[in-house]
Every structure is written in structure tokens, then in C-alpha cells.
């Protein structure tokens, strides 16, 4: 509660001032503050809200099995196991990354692969296709496609889910 009453308003004020400076005074600090504090409209806030709603739904419904797919490794592993196209991962149990100019054991990092019980999903870099790249500005991040669905099945998990309960948006 202390965070909500003190730290969050302070962070919202700092963000408002930052946005005001970034706009070179074209926005109102008061309007930005009200937006950041009461109705944030940025991607990060929507993402945090989504995480909280999903977490609450999982908690209230005894953590249904589908929520395990929120874990990146579980999703990739299960998708591959079921033959669903997922981004490829390297199967090596671990990798070593070294800085090209560091010496004496400095600048060396070891990563144990999730395929071998580690914490890291090790993948080669994936780039946008030529066609997608032609539509984007120079040096863009990887553009991904998301299939967003809605499901009425999760409203009452005591009932058997049916395919018609799920709709692609």
C-alpha cells in the first residue's frame, strides 16, 4: 500500500516531466500526470495489466494447466513436442560466450541451455524476411505475428471446453 500511495505517484510524476521535456513543452505535465497515474495508455502498462489479470484468473481457478504456457520454455518445448511450428532452439547443453579482447578469464560467460535443465533458451538470431524488411525502417527489431484469441471456456472452468468457445480476433 505504501508503494501505491508514494512510489507510484512519484514515478508517474517523473514520467510526466520526462514526456513533457521529450515533447519540448507541447504537452501538459498535469494532463500527462493524470494519464500516467489514473489511466496509463502506454504498451508497458497494458502489458503489466494483462499479466496481473492473467495471474489473478490463474490464482482464482487453481492454476489451470494452460497457464503453464506462459513460461517461454514450456511453450517452446510443448509446441515442438506436438509438432507446432515454434522458433528453433539450439540443442547444445551449454554455450560459452567470450569477449574478443578480454584476457585472463575476464569477459567469459557460461550459459546452460534450457534443453539441459538450465535457465537459458539458446537460439540463433532470427531476422525479418526480405519482404517484411522492405516494409520497415532500417535496422528494425524482429517483427512477429501474434494470433490473439478469446475464450468463453475460461468463464466457467467446471464445464467442458468446446472448440466453438474459442474465437480468433
Protein backbone atom coordinates (compact mmCIF):
# COMPACT_ATOMS: atom_id res chain seq x y z
CA UNK A 1 0.00 0.00 0.00
CA UNK A 2 2.91 2.32 0.74
CA UNK A 3 4.17 1.82 -2.82
CA UNK A 4 0.77 2.66 -4.30
CA UNK A 5 0.45 5.83 -2.21
CA UNK A 6 4.02 7.14 -2.51
CA UNK A 7 6.33 5.48 -5.03
CA UNK A 8 3.84 5.03 -7.88
CA UNK A 9 2.72 8.71 -7.83
CA UNK A 10 6.38 9.79 -7.73
CA UNK A 11 7.24 7.57 -10.71
CA UNK A 12 4.19 8.89 -12.57
CA UNK A 13 5.33 12.47 -11.91
CA UNK A 14 8.85 11.72 -13.16
CA UNK A 15 7.38 10.08 -16.26
CA UNK A 16 5.13 13.10 -16.85
CA UNK A 17 8.04 15.51 -16.63
CA UNK A 18 10.08 13.26 -18.93
CA UNK A 19 7.29 13.22 -21.54
CA UNK A 20 6.88 17.00 -21.21
CA UNK A 21 10.61 17.51 -21.84
CA UNK A 22 10.56 14.99 -24.69
CA UNK A 23 7.70 16.91 -26.36
CA UNK A 24 9.60 20.19 -25.79
CA UNK A 25 6.81 21.64 -23.69
CA UNK A 26 3.99 20.80 -26.11
CA UNK A 27 2.20 18.60 -23.57
CA UNK A 28 0.82 19.46 -20.18
CA UNK A 29 2.60 17.97 -17.16
CA UNK A 30 -0.73 17.89 -15.29
CA UNK A 31 -2.51 16.06 -18.13
CA UNK A 32 0.36 13.60 -18.52
CA UNK A 33 0.43 13.03 -14.76
CA UNK A 34 -3.30 12.31 -14.67
CA UNK A 35 -2.92 9.87 -17.57
CA UNK A 36 0.11 8.07 -16.07
CA UNK A 37 -1.48 7.86 -12.61
CA UNK A 38 -5.12 7.12 -13.40
CA UNK A 39 -5.37 5.71 -16.93
CA UNK A 40 -1.96 4.83 -18.40
CA UNK A 41 -2.13 4.27 -22.14
CA UNK A 42 1.35 3.01 -22.95
CA UNK A 43 2.28 -0.51 -24.07
CA UNK A 44 4.15 -1.36 -20.87
CA UNK A 45 1.15 -0.50 -18.68
CA UNK A 46 -1.16 -2.61 -20.83
CA UNK A 47 1.32 -5.50 -20.62
CA UNK A 48 1.52 -5.20 -16.81
CA UNK A 49 -2.28 -5.08 -16.56
CA UNK A 50 -2.57 -8.16 -18.77
CA UNK A 51 -0.06 -10.02 -16.58
CA UNK A 52 -1.97 -9.13 -13.43
CA UNK A 53 -5.37 -10.12 -14.86
CA UNK A 54 -3.96 -13.42 -16.15
CA UNK A 55 -2.25 -14.09 -12.81
CA UNK A 56 -5.43 -13.32 -10.87
CA UNK A 57 -7.51 -15.55 -13.14
CA UNK A 58 -4.99 -18.36 -12.70
CA UNK A 59 -4.99 -17.93 -8.92
CA UNK A 60 -8.79 -17.84 -8.65
CA UNK A 61 -9.09 -21.01 -10.76
CA UNK A 62 -6.43 -23.17 -9.03
CA UNK A 63 -3.81 -22.61 -11.75
CA UNK A 64 -5.33 -24.40 -14.76
CA UNK A 65 -2.84 -26.37 -16.87
CA UNK A 66 -2.95 -23.92 -19.80
CA UNK A 67 -1.24 -21.24 -17.74
CA UNK A 68 1.98 -23.24 -17.89
CA UNK A 69 2.27 -21.99 -21.48
CA UNK A 70 3.10 -18.52 -20.09
CA UNK A 71 6.59 -19.95 -19.47
CA UNK A 72 8.61 -19.45 -22.68
CA UNK A 73 10.50 -22.70 -22.37
CA UNK A 74 7.37 -24.74 -21.61
CA UNK A 75 5.67 -23.19 -24.64
CA UNK A 76 8.57 -23.92 -27.00
CA UNK A 77 9.13 -27.43 -25.67
CA UNK A 78 5.44 -28.38 -25.77
CA UNK A 79 4.95 -26.79 -29.20
CA UNK A 80 7.88 -28.73 -30.64
CA UNK A 81 6.68 -31.94 -28.99
CA UNK A 82 3.23 -31.52 -30.59
CA UNK A 83 4.58 -30.54 -33.99
CA UNK A 84 3.53 -26.90 -33.78
CA UNK A 85 5.96 -24.58 -35.62
CA UNK A 86 7.93 -22.64 -32.99
CA UNK A 87 11.17 -20.69 -33.16
CA UNK A 88 14.04 -23.19 -33.29
CA UNK A 89 16.37 -23.67 -30.35
CA UNK A 90 19.92 -24.97 -30.23
CA UNK A 91 20.19 -28.39 -28.61
CA UNK A 92 23.70 -27.96 -27.24
CA UNK A 93 23.67 -28.45 -23.43
CA UNK A 94 25.52 -25.17 -22.90
CA UNK A 95 27.38 -22.40 -24.68
CA UNK A 96 30.36 -20.25 -23.82
CA UNK A 97 30.42 -16.60 -24.88
CA UNK A 98 33.76 -14.78 -24.83
CA UNK A 99 34.61 -11.15 -25.41
CA UNK A 100 37.14 -10.97 -28.24
CA UNK A 101 39.55 -8.62 -26.41
CA UNK A 102 39.30 -9.70 -22.76
CA UNK A 103 42.09 -11.80 -21.29
CA UNK A 104 42.84 -13.71 -18.12
CA UNK A 105 39.43 -15.35 -17.76
CA UNK A 106 37.65 -11.99 -17.95
CA UNK A 107 34.73 -11.47 -20.32
CA UNK A 108 33.75 -15.14 -20.43
CA UNK A 109 30.17 -16.20 -19.79
CA UNK A 110 28.69 -19.69 -19.48
CA UNK A 111 25.02 -20.36 -20.25
CA UNK A 112 23.36 -23.70 -19.52
CA UNK A 113 20.64 -24.45 -22.06
CA UNK A 114 17.03 -24.99 -21.01
CA UNK A 115 17.21 -28.21 -23.05
CA UNK A 116 19.58 -29.49 -20.36
CA UNK A 117 17.78 -28.09 -17.30
CA UNK A 118 19.34 -24.62 -17.47
CA UNK A 119 17.75 -21.18 -17.34
CA UNK A 120 18.58 -20.03 -20.87
CA UNK A 121 16.74 -20.63 -24.14
CA UNK A 122 19.57 -20.59 -26.65
CA UNK A 123 18.61 -19.74 -30.20
CA UNK A 124 20.26 -18.44 -33.32
CA UNK A 125 19.22 -14.92 -34.23
CA UNK A 126 16.18 -14.77 -36.47
CA UNK A 127 15.88 -11.90 -38.97
CA UNK A 128 12.90 -10.48 -40.79
CA UNK A 129 12.34 -11.80 -44.30
CA UNK A 130 13.33 -9.58 -47.21
CA UNK A 131 9.66 -8.79 -47.89
CA UNK A 132 8.91 -7.80 -44.28
CA UNK A 133 12.16 -5.80 -44.12
CA UNK A 134 11.12 -3.86 -47.24
CA UNK A 135 8.11 -2.56 -45.29
CA UNK A 136 10.12 -1.43 -42.23
CA UNK A 137 12.61 1.33 -41.43
CA UNK A 138 16.33 0.48 -41.35
CA UNK A 139 17.56 -1.84 -38.55
CA UNK A 140 14.13 -2.85 -37.21
CA UNK A 141 13.63 -5.43 -34.47
CA UNK A 142 12.23 -8.82 -35.39
CA UNK A 143 8.60 -8.41 -36.39
CA UNK A 144 6.41 -11.18 -35.06
CA UNK A 145 2.83 -12.19 -35.72
CA UNK A 146 0.52 -12.96 -32.85
CA UNK A 147 -2.70 -14.91 -33.06
CA UNK A 148 -4.96 -13.39 -30.44
CA UNK A 149 -7.90 -15.42 -29.26
CA UNK A 150 -10.71 -15.02 -26.83
CA UNK A 151 -12.30 -17.87 -24.99
CA UNK A 152 -15.60 -18.16 -23.21
CA UNK A 153 -14.46 -21.53 -21.83
CA UNK A 154 -12.45 -19.88 -19.06
CA UNK A 155 -15.51 -18.15 -17.60
CA UNK A 156 -16.66 -21.40 -16.02
CA UNK A 157 -13.85 -23.96 -15.86
CA UNK A 158 -16.17 -26.58 -14.34
CA UNK A 159 -17.73 -27.01 -17.81
CA UNK A 160 -16.04 -28.91 -20.61
CA UNK A 161 -14.45 -26.56 -23.14
CA UNK A 162 -15.68 -26.78 -26.72
CA UNK A 163 -13.94 -25.57 -29.90
CA UNK A 164 -16.72 -23.04 -30.51
CA UNK A 165 -15.85 -21.37 -27.16
CA UNK A 166 -12.65 -20.01 -28.76
CA UNK A 167 -12.63 -17.22 -31.33
CA UNK A 168 -9.66 -15.72 -33.20
CA UNK A 169 -9.77 -11.94 -33.03
